[in-house]
């Protein structure tokens, strides 16, 4: 994604209830990209959101988009691009650790089921 990208966020409005929360990003070329919310997580002093596109080349590649996440006074979500390399490294590392922990927890769960 480009650094100057603008987007609107729509958290699953108008969707039938499902187990997955989705976000519709409206990119600055007015195309929309439907993404599944992988997780909202903390890294450093801020919260971030990890999004996985549902269709297209990015989905096929398993590309994950990371953004700063916050909510306004009305509870509406706000996403911001991460433009600083050090901040992006911090967020990427936190996301990778979260994935590693989830995989470890799944392995432990499977081992416990085998007993």
C-alpha atoms as a PDB file:
ATOM      1  CA  UNK A   1       0.000   0.000   0.000  1.00  0.00           C
ATOM      2  CA  UNK A   2       1.224   3.489  -0.763  1.00  0.00           C
ATOM      3  CA  UNK A   3       2.216   5.917   1.999  1.00  0.00           C
ATOM      4  CA  UNK A   4      -0.290   8.549   0.835  1.00  0.00           C
ATOM      5  CA  UNK A   5      -3.241   6.167   0.722  1.00  0.00           C
ATOM      6  CA  UNK A   6      -6.513   7.407   2.142  1.00  0.00           C
ATOM      7  CA  UNK A   7      -9.271   5.069   3.150  1.00  0.00           C
ATOM      8  CA  UNK A   8     -12.654   4.899   4.783  1.00  0.00           C
ATOM      9  CA  UNK A   9     -13.398   2.191   7.288  1.00  0.00           C
ATOM     10  CA  UNK A  10     -16.702   0.396   7.524  1.00  0.00           C
ATOM     11  CA  UNK A  11     -16.673  -2.327  10.202  1.00  0.00           C
ATOM     12  CA  UNK A  12     -19.076  -4.943   8.898  1.00  0.00           C
ATOM     13  CA  UNK A  13     -22.047  -2.598   8.506  1.00  0.00           C
ATOM     14  CA  UNK A  14     -24.835  -4.016   6.398  1.00  0.00           C
ATOM     15  CA  UNK A  15     -23.393  -7.521   6.619  1.00  0.00           C
ATOM     16  CA  UNK A  16     -25.150 -10.599   7.883  1.00  0.00           C
ATOM     17  CA  UNK A  17     -23.830 -11.662  11.260  1.00  0.00           C
ATOM     18  CA  UNK A  18     -20.805 -13.892  10.926  1.00  0.00           C
ATOM     19  CA  UNK A  19     -17.951 -14.958  13.138  1.00  0.00           C
ATOM     20  CA  UNK A  20     -15.558 -12.778  11.134  1.00  0.00           C
ATOM     21  CA  UNK A  21     -15.338  -9.029  11.493  1.00  0.00           C
ATOM     22  CA  UNK A  22     -14.610  -7.350   8.186  1.00  0.00           C
ATOM     23  CA  UNK A  23     -13.360  -3.936   7.174  1.00  0.00           C
ATOM     24  CA  UNK A  24     -14.015  -2.295   3.832  1.00  0.00           C
ATOM     25  CA  UNK A  25     -11.142  -0.037   2.847  1.00  0.00           C
ATOM     26  CA  UNK A  26     -11.807   2.652   0.255  1.00  0.00           C
ATOM     27  CA  UNK A  27      -8.448   3.416  -1.324  1.00  0.00           C
ATOM     28  CA  UNK A  28      -7.491   6.787  -2.781  1.00  0.00           C
ATOM     29  CA  UNK A  29      -8.178   5.518  -6.318  1.00  0.00           C
ATOM     30  CA  UNK A  30     -11.790   4.863  -5.122  1.00  0.00           C
ATOM     31  CA  UNK A  31     -11.424   1.082  -5.317  1.00  0.00           C
ATOM     32  CA  UNK A  32     -12.670  -0.873  -2.344  1.00  0.00           C
ATOM     33  CA  UNK A  33     -10.937  -3.747  -0.658  1.00  0.00           C
ATOM     34  CA  UNK A  34     -12.799  -6.079   1.689  1.00  0.00           C
ATOM     35  CA  UNK A  35     -10.564  -7.400   4.480  1.00  0.00           C
ATOM     36  CA  UNK A  36     -10.983  -9.766   7.398  1.00  0.00           C
ATOM     37  CA  UNK A  37      -9.846  -8.398  10.751  1.00  0.00           C
ATOM     38  CA  UNK A  38      -7.187 -10.804  12.003  1.00  0.00           C
ATOM     39  CA  UNK A  39      -6.717  -9.011  15.300  1.00  0.00           C
ATOM     40  CA  UNK A  40      -6.500  -5.675  17.077  1.00  0.00           C
ATOM     41  CA  UNK A  41      -3.409  -5.715  19.265  1.00  0.00           C
ATOM     42  CA  UNK A  42      -1.147  -3.488  21.315  1.00  0.00           C
ATOM     43  CA  UNK A  43       2.476  -2.713  20.427  1.00  0.00           C
ATOM     44  CA  UNK A  44       4.342  -0.109  22.423  1.00  0.00           C
ATOM     45  CA  UNK A  45       1.875   2.513  23.615  1.00  0.00           C
ATOM     46  CA  UNK A  46      -0.585   2.186  20.712  1.00  0.00           C
ATOM     47  CA  UNK A  47      -3.114  -0.216  19.277  1.00  0.00           C
ATOM     48  CA  UNK A  48      -2.842  -1.650  15.781  1.00  0.00           C
ATOM     49  CA  UNK A  49      -5.039  -3.696  13.488  1.00  0.00           C
ATOM     50  CA  UNK A  50      -4.029  -6.543  11.181  1.00  0.00           C
ATOM     51  CA  UNK A  51      -6.147  -6.981   8.047  1.00  0.00           C
ATOM     52  CA  UNK A  52      -6.161  -9.800   5.497  1.00  0.00           C
ATOM     53  CA  UNK A  53      -7.662  -9.007   2.068  1.00  0.00           C
ATOM     54  CA  UNK A  54     -10.439 -11.423   1.069  1.00  0.00           C
ATOM     55  CA  UNK A  55      -9.906 -11.278  -2.719  1.00  0.00           C
ATOM     56  CA  UNK A  56      -7.344 -10.357  -5.333  1.00  0.00           C
ATOM     57  CA  UNK A  57      -3.575 -10.761  -5.605  1.00  0.00           C
ATOM     58  CA  UNK A  58      -2.910  -9.633  -2.022  1.00  0.00           C
ATOM     59  CA  UNK A  59      -5.294 -12.317  -0.727  1.00  0.00           C
ATOM     60  CA  UNK A  60      -3.665 -14.992  -2.859  1.00  0.00           C
ATOM     61  CA  UNK A  61      -0.233 -14.015  -1.519  1.00  0.00           C
ATOM     62  CA  UNK A  62      -1.492 -13.956   2.090  1.00  0.00           C
ATOM     63  CA  UNK A  63      -0.421 -10.323   2.420  1.00  0.00           C
ATOM     64  CA  UNK A  64      -1.385  -8.743   5.756  1.00  0.00           C
ATOM     65  CA  UNK A  65      -1.951  -5.002   6.123  1.00  0.00           C
ATOM     66  CA  UNK A  66      -1.013  -3.354   9.413  1.00  0.00           C
ATOM     67  CA  UNK A  67      -2.430   0.017  10.493  1.00  0.00           C
ATOM     68  CA  UNK A  68      -2.564   2.157  13.617  1.00  0.00           C
ATOM     69  CA  UNK A  69      -5.976   1.671  15.192  1.00  0.00           C
ATOM     70  CA  UNK A  70      -7.991   4.015  17.397  1.00  0.00           C
ATOM     71  CA  UNK A  71     -11.597   4.926  18.031  1.00  0.00           C
ATOM     72  CA  UNK A  72     -13.072   8.415  18.144  1.00  0.00           C
ATOM     73  CA  UNK A  73     -15.310   9.712  20.944  1.00  0.00           C
ATOM     74  CA  UNK A  74     -18.303   7.991  19.298  1.00  0.00           C
ATOM     75  CA  UNK A  75     -16.547   4.625  19.159  1.00  0.00           C
ATOM     76  CA  UNK A  76     -16.030   4.841  15.388  1.00  0.00           C
ATOM     77  CA  UNK A  77     -12.812   3.155  14.200  1.00  0.00           C
ATOM     78  CA  UNK A  78      -9.978   5.169  12.719  1.00  0.00           C
ATOM     79  CA  UNK A  79      -7.038   3.659  10.840  1.00  0.00           C
ATOM     80  CA  UNK A  80      -3.789   5.444  10.056  1.00  0.00           C
ATOM     81  CA  UNK A  81      -0.889   4.416   7.875  1.00  0.00           C
ATOM     82  CA  UNK A  82       2.343   3.497   9.640  1.00  0.00           C
ATOM     83  CA  UNK A  83       4.936   5.679   7.947  1.00  0.00           C
ATOM     84  CA  UNK A  84       7.908   5.316  10.310  1.00  0.00           C
ATOM     85  CA  UNK A  85      10.195   2.321   9.656  1.00  0.00           C
ATOM     86  CA  UNK A  86      11.008   1.842  13.352  1.00  0.00           C
ATOM     87  CA  UNK A  87       7.323   1.862  14.272  1.00  0.00           C
ATOM     88  CA  UNK A  88       6.544  -0.587  11.458  1.00  0.00           C
ATOM     89  CA  UNK A  89       9.314  -2.925  12.687  1.00  0.00           C
ATOM     90  CA  UNK A  90       7.883  -2.782  16.226  1.00  0.00           C
ATOM     91  CA  UNK A  91       4.373  -3.575  14.975  1.00  0.00           C
ATOM     92  CA  UNK A  92       5.558  -6.343  12.622  1.00  0.00           C
ATOM     93  CA  UNK A  93       7.523  -7.993  15.438  1.00  0.00           C
ATOM     94  CA  UNK A  94       4.524  -7.788  17.802  1.00  0.00           C
ATOM     95  CA  UNK A  95       2.259  -9.289  15.119  1.00  0.00           C
ATOM     96  CA  UNK A  96       4.754 -12.112  14.428  1.00  0.00           C
ATOM     97  CA  UNK A  97       5.002 -12.870  18.165  1.00  0.00           C
ATOM     98  CA  UNK A  98       1.209 -12.950  18.385  1.00  0.00           C
ATOM     99  CA  UNK A  99       1.073 -15.453  15.504  1.00  0.00           C
ATOM    100  CA  UNK A 100       3.829 -17.589  17.027  1.00  0.00           C
ATOM    101  CA  UNK A 101       1.992 -17.629  20.365  1.00  0.00           C
ATOM    102  CA  UNK A 102      -1.293 -18.591  18.668  1.00  0.00           C
ATOM    103  CA  UNK A 103       0.427 -21.445  16.807  1.00  0.00           C
ATOM    104  CA  UNK A 104       2.049 -22.629  20.049  1.00  0.00           C
ATOM    105  CA  UNK A 105      -1.308 -22.513  21.851  1.00  0.00           C
ATOM    106  CA  UNK A 106      -2.886 -24.558  19.040  1.00  0.00           C
ATOM    107  CA  UNK A 107      -0.114 -27.167  19.303  1.00  0.00           C
ATOM    108  CA  UNK A 108      -0.548 -27.406  23.079  1.00  0.00           C
ATOM    109  CA  UNK A 109      -4.305 -27.733  22.624  1.00  0.00           C
ATOM    110  CA  UNK A 110      -3.839 -30.562  20.104  1.00  0.00           C
ATOM    111  CA  UNK A 111      -1.402 -32.368  22.425  1.00  0.00           C
ATOM    112  CA  UNK A 112      -3.851 -32.116  25.320  1.00  0.00           C
ATOM    113  CA  UNK A 113      -6.598 -33.586  23.137  1.00  0.00           C
ATOM    114  CA  UNK A 114      -4.411 -36.604  22.283  1.00  0.00           C
ATOM    115  CA  UNK A 115      -4.048 -37.589  25.970  1.00  0.00           C
END
